[in-house]
Every structure is written in C-alpha cells, then in structure tokens.
Amino acid sequence: MSDPSQSKLELSRIAAIAETKALALKYAAAELTHATHGPASEADAAARLAICMACEHRAVEYKGQTDAGGVGWCQRCSCRANPRALLTVKVTMAGVECPLAKWGKVEGTGASVASAVDAVAGVAKSIIHKLSS
C-alpha cells in the first residue's frame, strides 16, 4: 500500500513542473514575438510604463535584487527577479501582457537583426540567471 503523503508530494512536484513548463513556453513565445515582430513602439512602451509606475504591485527591490534604474519589477508577474523581467524591458516587448490585465500585447514595430539579437541575448541572460539562482 502506498503512503498518501508520498502521493501528495508527487502530485505537488508534478504540478510545479507543469507550471514551470507553462511559464517557460509563455516566455519563449514572448521572446519569439520580440524577434519576429520587433519591439513595441516607443509610444506603446511609454504608455505601458506609465501604468506600471502607478501600480501598487511595482517594486524597485524584489527577491534580493535592486533595480538601479529605479523602475523595478512587477511583484505579480511570474518572471521573478530575472533581469529580463525588469519593467523597463518588459514594456518594450510587444508580445508581453500585464499579469493584472492593465495592458496587453501590441503590434511590434517590425523584425530586425537588432530585435532578433536582443531576443536571443534575453534568453541567454534568463538561462544564466536561472542557473545562478
């Protein structure tokens, strides 16, 4: 007969893996959109940032990190304190949306070598951050 606490632990582990996989796929889709459609326009990024700056869930210090730029991270976002999750970065990514539905995805300004390089560099930074955590 199996131990019920073992089953609960296994189900919890499976759920955590599924959540991590879903978040990774969502992030990969956002970076792919950034690479293939380009960044949000300056006007869209500025409008998004203004919303974030007024939000009660914004934090300049988060998960042991401090944003020297003074803008910070969203505490409701599942990206944690990843440098790629800084609001100054996220608002420029056309394929990203606010986890509180305060702003959504927008059209990118057009793919370019620069947007593709930025997306690849972003993924690399995220992997390095995850491995060093």
Protein backbone atom coordinates (compact mmCIF):
# COMPACT_ATOMS: atom_id res chain seq x y z
CA MET A 1 0.00 0.00 0.00
CA SER A 2 1.37 3.42 -0.92
CA ASP A 3 1.94 6.27 1.51
CA PRO A 4 -0.70 9.03 0.97
CA SER A 5 1.81 11.75 1.90
CA GLN A 6 4.14 10.42 -0.81
CA SER A 7 1.31 10.68 -3.35
CA LYS A 8 0.57 14.29 -2.34
CA LEU A 9 4.26 15.13 -2.63
CA GLU A 10 4.45 13.55 -6.07
CA LEU A 11 1.33 15.41 -7.25
CA SER A 12 2.77 18.66 -5.92
CA ARG A 13 6.04 18.02 -7.77
CA ILE A 14 4.19 17.24 -11.00
CA ALA A 15 2.12 20.42 -10.65
CA ALA A 16 5.26 22.51 -10.06
CA ILE A 17 6.92 21.04 -13.15
CA ALA A 18 3.80 21.70 -15.24
CA GLU A 19 3.65 25.31 -14.03
CA THR A 20 7.34 25.86 -14.78
CA LYS A 21 6.90 24.39 -18.26
CA ALA A 22 3.88 26.62 -18.97
CA LEU A 23 5.77 29.73 -17.80
CA ALA A 24 8.81 28.80 -19.90
CA LEU A 25 6.63 28.37 -23.00
CA LYS A 26 4.92 31.72 -22.38
CA TYR A 27 8.31 33.41 -22.00
CA ALA A 28 9.67 31.72 -25.14
CA ALA A 29 6.62 32.92 -27.10
CA ALA A 30 7.20 36.50 -25.90
CA GLU A 31 10.86 36.39 -26.97
CA LEU A 32 9.91 34.82 -30.32
CA THR A 33 7.41 37.63 -30.93
CA HIS A 34 10.09 40.14 -30.00
CA ALA A 35 12.48 38.56 -32.51
CA THR A 36 9.97 38.17 -35.34
CA HIS A 37 7.76 41.25 -34.90
CA GLY A 38 10.13 43.69 -33.25
CA PRO A 39 9.67 45.75 -30.11
CA ALA A 40 6.64 47.74 -29.07
CA SER A 41 6.58 51.30 -30.37
CA GLU A 42 8.06 53.99 -28.15
CA ALA A 43 4.53 55.33 -27.58
CA ASP A 44 3.19 51.91 -26.55
CA ALA A 45 6.19 51.27 -24.28
CA ALA A 46 5.80 54.69 -22.64
CA ALA A 47 2.06 54.16 -22.07
CA ARG A 48 2.70 50.73 -20.56
CA LEU A 49 5.47 52.08 -18.32
CA ALA A 50 3.24 54.90 -17.06
CA ILE A 51 0.68 52.30 -15.99
CA CYS A 52 3.37 50.23 -14.26
CA MET A 53 4.83 53.23 -12.47
CA ALA A 54 1.43 53.96 -10.89
CA CYS A 55 0.80 50.31 -9.95
CA GLU A 56 0.87 49.24 -6.32
CA HIS A 57 2.49 45.92 -7.32
CA ARG A 58 5.68 47.53 -8.68
CA ALA A 59 8.79 47.04 -6.54
CA VAL A 60 12.25 48.57 -7.01
CA GLU A 61 13.65 45.95 -4.61
CA TYR A 62 12.43 42.43 -5.32
CA LYS A 63 13.63 38.93 -4.42
CA GLY A 64 17.00 40.22 -3.22
CA GLN A 65 17.60 42.38 -6.30
CA THR A 66 17.54 46.17 -6.59
CA ASP A 67 16.88 47.99 -9.85
CA ALA A 68 19.46 50.77 -10.04
CA GLY A 69 17.27 52.46 -12.66
CA GLY A 70 14.51 52.91 -10.08
CA VAL A 71 11.68 51.30 -12.07
CA GLY A 72 11.83 47.72 -10.82
CA TRP A 73 9.73 44.63 -11.31
CA CYS A 74 6.11 43.55 -11.09
CA GLN A 75 5.51 41.54 -7.93
CA ARG A 76 2.55 39.79 -9.58
CA CYS A 77 4.50 38.61 -12.58
CA SER A 78 5.73 35.05 -12.61
CA CYS A 79 9.10 36.12 -14.06
CA ARG A 80 10.55 36.78 -10.62
CA ALA A 81 13.68 38.98 -10.36
CA ASN A 82 15.15 37.90 -13.69
CA PRO A 83 16.95 40.90 -15.25
CA ARG A 84 14.88 40.33 -18.40
CA ALA A 85 11.77 40.83 -16.27
CA LEU A 86 12.63 44.42 -15.39
CA LEU A 87 9.66 46.57 -16.28
CA THR A 88 11.87 48.78 -18.45
CA VAL A 89 12.48 45.68 -20.59
CA LYS A 90 9.04 44.08 -20.42
CA VAL A 91 7.15 47.17 -21.59
CA THR A 92 9.22 47.16 -24.80
CA MET A 93 8.32 43.57 -25.69
CA ALA A 94 5.27 43.60 -27.97
CA GLY A 95 4.24 40.02 -27.12
CA VAL A 96 4.07 40.57 -23.35
CA GLU A 97 0.97 41.47 -21.37
CA CYS A 98 0.43 42.67 -17.82
CA PRO A 99 -0.46 39.80 -15.46
CA LEU A 100 -3.15 42.07 -13.98
CA ALA A 101 -4.60 42.86 -17.44
CA LYS A 102 -3.74 46.56 -17.11
CA TRP A 103 -2.14 46.48 -20.59
CA GLY A 104 -1.95 43.86 -23.31
CA LYS A 105 0.04 42.71 -26.30
CA VAL A 106 0.66 45.24 -29.05
CA GLU A 107 1.90 45.18 -32.63
CA GLY A 108 5.66 45.18 -32.95
CA THR A 109 7.46 47.81 -34.97
CA GLY A 110 8.94 45.23 -37.33
CA ALA A 111 11.50 42.50 -37.09
CA SER A 112 15.14 43.42 -37.44
CA VAL A 113 18.52 41.91 -36.79
CA ALA A 114 18.63 44.03 -33.61
CA SER A 115 15.33 42.64 -32.28
CA ALA A 116 16.42 39.08 -33.04
CA VAL A 117 19.78 39.60 -31.35
CA ASP A 118 18.06 41.21 -28.35
CA ALA A 119 15.68 38.24 -28.03
CA VAL A 120 18.50 35.69 -28.21
CA ALA A 121 20.55 37.70 -25.69
CA GLY A 122 17.48 37.92 -23.46
CA VAL A 123 17.02 34.15 -23.48
CA ALA A 124 20.72 33.68 -22.71
CA LYS A 125 20.52 36.15 -19.79
CA SER A 126 17.45 34.35 -18.47
CA ILE A 127 19.16 30.97 -18.61
CA ILE A 128 22.25 32.34 -16.88
CA HIS A 129 20.05 33.93 -14.20
CA LYS A 130 18.16 30.68 -13.64
CA LEU A 131 21.34 28.62 -13.42
CA SER A 132 22.94 31.03 -10.96
CA SER A 133 19.90 31.14 -8.66
